[in-house]
Amino acid sequence: MGSLVRHVTIDCADPHGLAQFWAQALDGALGEDDNPGDEEAVVESAGVSLLFIRVPDGKSVKNRVHLDLQPQDRSRDEEVERLVALGATVLGDHRTPDGKGWVTLGDLEGNELCVERSQAERSQAERIATGDA
């Protein structure tokens, strides 16, 4: 049997602060024993476990790996607004007039993430494309 991914690990300057952002973004929970100033912090959510580890060097280039988020109970645009209100910044807008595409955001430390259309938006677009709308 192969391995399982236990955590997606993100190097950062402020593990607790960044974990708080991601816990809110993913409707997850910060580890019970994670406190400000700790060297690491964990966020558990329905879809993924994220581990944030303090490192001395800052982010200097584009991420080679990033998270793609698909909203569950709101539209892509509503989710982008919610994440920006939590402190994310818009890095690139790749939405197209036909409703496809995504928005690239930076978290509190500039790590890239993308927000895609919700499943409801995808299903609606498919119904329109097939004439079932």
Protein backbone atom coordinates (compact mmCIF):
# COMPACT_ATOMS: atom_id res chain seq x y z
CA MET A 1 0.00 0.00 0.00
CA GLY A 2 1.23 3.51 -0.84
CA SER A 3 1.50 6.53 1.40
CA LEU A 4 -1.24 8.96 2.36
CA VAL A 5 -0.85 12.73 2.48
CA ARG A 6 -1.09 13.64 6.17
CA HIS A 7 -0.70 17.42 5.81
CA VAL A 8 -0.04 20.01 3.19
CA THR A 9 2.80 21.95 4.82
CA ILE A 10 3.24 25.69 4.29
CA ASP A 11 6.38 27.53 5.36
CA CYS A 12 5.61 30.95 6.82
CA ALA A 13 6.68 33.70 9.21
CA ASP A 14 3.62 33.57 11.51
CA PRO A 15 2.18 30.05 11.79
CA HIS A 16 -0.62 30.97 14.20
CA GLY A 17 -1.74 34.05 12.28
CA LEU A 18 -1.71 32.31 8.91
CA ALA A 19 -3.45 29.26 10.37
CA GLN A 20 -6.22 31.50 11.72
CA PHE A 21 -6.82 32.90 8.22
CA TRP A 22 -6.94 29.41 6.68
CA ALA A 23 -9.17 28.02 9.45
CA GLN A 24 -11.71 30.74 8.61
CA ALA A 25 -11.25 30.28 4.86
CA LEU A 26 -11.87 26.52 5.06
CA ASP A 27 -14.41 26.52 7.91
CA GLY A 28 -11.83 24.45 9.74
CA ALA A 29 -10.40 24.45 13.22
CA LEU A 30 -7.03 25.50 14.57
CA GLY A 31 -5.35 22.84 16.71
CA GLU A 32 -6.35 23.07 20.38
CA ASP A 33 -2.75 23.41 21.53
CA ASP A 34 -1.73 25.97 18.88
CA ASN A 35 -0.96 29.41 20.31
CA PRO A 36 0.49 32.71 19.07
CA GLY A 37 4.27 32.48 18.90
CA ASP A 38 4.34 28.68 18.40
CA GLU A 39 6.74 27.33 15.79
CA GLU A 40 3.93 25.47 14.03
CA ALA A 41 0.15 25.35 13.84
CA VAL A 42 -2.34 22.91 12.31
CA VAL A 43 -5.69 23.52 10.63
CA GLU A 44 -8.06 20.58 10.26
CA SER A 45 -10.92 20.90 7.80
CA ALA A 46 -13.26 18.57 5.94
CA GLY A 47 -11.07 18.51 2.85
CA VAL A 48 -7.49 18.91 4.01
CA SER A 49 -5.13 19.22 6.96
CA LEU A 50 -2.71 22.15 6.70
CA LEU A 51 0.46 22.43 8.74
CA PHE A 52 2.10 25.86 9.06
CA ILE A 53 5.77 25.93 10.07
CA ARG A 54 7.83 29.00 10.94
CA VAL A 55 10.86 29.48 8.70
CA PRO A 56 13.37 32.35 8.77
CA ASP A 57 13.26 33.15 5.05
CA GLY A 58 10.42 35.02 3.40
CA LYS A 59 8.54 34.12 0.24
CA SER A 60 10.46 35.34 -2.80
CA VAL A 61 8.98 33.64 -5.89
CA LYS A 62 5.71 32.21 -7.15
CA ASN A 63 4.54 29.06 -5.37
CA ARG A 64 5.22 25.79 -7.19
CA VAL A 65 2.20 24.27 -5.40
CA HIS A 66 -0.99 26.08 -4.45
CA LEU A 67 -4.52 25.28 -3.27
CA ASP A 68 -7.55 25.57 -5.56
CA LEU A 69 -10.71 26.31 -3.59
CA GLN A 70 -14.22 25.43 -4.77
CA PRO A 71 -16.90 27.19 -2.70
CA GLN A 72 -19.57 24.89 -1.29
CA ASP A 73 -22.41 27.21 -0.30
CA ARG A 74 -21.74 30.44 -2.19
CA SER A 75 -20.67 31.58 -5.64
CA ARG A 76 -17.06 32.02 -6.72
CA ASP A 77 -17.48 35.80 -6.64
CA GLU A 78 -19.01 35.74 -3.15
CA GLU A 79 -16.13 33.54 -1.94
CA VAL A 80 -13.55 35.92 -3.40
CA GLU A 81 -15.23 38.81 -1.55
CA ARG A 82 -15.28 36.79 1.70
CA LEU A 83 -11.60 35.85 1.47
CA VAL A 84 -10.58 39.43 0.64
CA ALA A 85 -12.51 40.56 3.73
CA LEU A 86 -10.44 38.04 5.75
CA GLY A 87 -7.23 39.67 4.48
CA ALA A 88 -6.45 37.98 1.14
CA THR A 89 -5.43 40.10 -1.84
CA VAL A 90 -6.40 39.65 -5.48
CA LEU A 91 -3.30 38.79 -7.52
CA GLY A 92 -4.96 37.93 -10.83
CA ASP A 93 -8.46 37.76 -12.26
CA HIS A 94 -8.90 35.00 -14.82
CA ARG A 95 -12.71 35.05 -15.02
CA THR A 96 -14.12 34.99 -18.54
CA PRO A 97 -17.35 36.52 -19.88
CA ASP A 98 -18.92 33.05 -20.19
CA GLY A 99 -18.50 32.47 -16.42
CA LYS A 100 -15.51 30.16 -16.57
CA GLY A 101 -12.13 30.88 -15.04
CA TRP A 102 -10.78 31.57 -11.59
CA VAL A 103 -9.38 34.31 -9.37
CA THR A 104 -5.85 34.06 -7.98
CA LEU A 105 -5.48 35.43 -4.46
CA GLY A 106 -2.60 35.81 -2.04
CA ASP A 107 -3.09 34.80 1.59
CA LEU A 108 -1.78 36.95 4.46
CA GLU A 109 1.84 36.08 3.54
CA GLY A 110 1.38 36.17 -0.24
CA ASN A 111 1.00 32.43 -0.85
CA GLU A 112 -1.10 31.92 -3.97
CA LEU A 113 -4.50 30.23 -3.97
CA CYS A 114 -7.18 30.08 -6.64
CA VAL A 115 -10.94 30.31 -6.26
CA GLU A 116 -12.86 28.36 -8.88
CA ARG A 117 -16.59 28.23 -9.64
CA SER A 118 -18.82 26.36 -7.22
CA GLN A 119 -20.33 23.03 -8.23
CA ALA A 120 -23.73 24.77 -8.52
CA GLU A 121 -22.24 27.31 -10.96
CA ARG A 122 -20.62 24.52 -12.98
CA SER A 123 -23.89 22.56 -13.11
CA GLN A 124 -25.86 25.64 -14.17
CA ALA A 125 -23.37 26.37 -16.96
CA GLU A 126 -23.64 22.76 -18.16
CA ARG A 127 -27.45 22.95 -18.18
CA ILE A 128 -27.29 26.15 -20.22
CA ALA A 129 -24.78 24.61 -22.65
CA THR A 130 -27.01 21.57 -23.21
CA GLY A 131 -30.24 23.59 -23.40
CA ASP A 132 -31.66 22.14 -20.16
CA ALA A 133 -31.76 25.47 -18.28
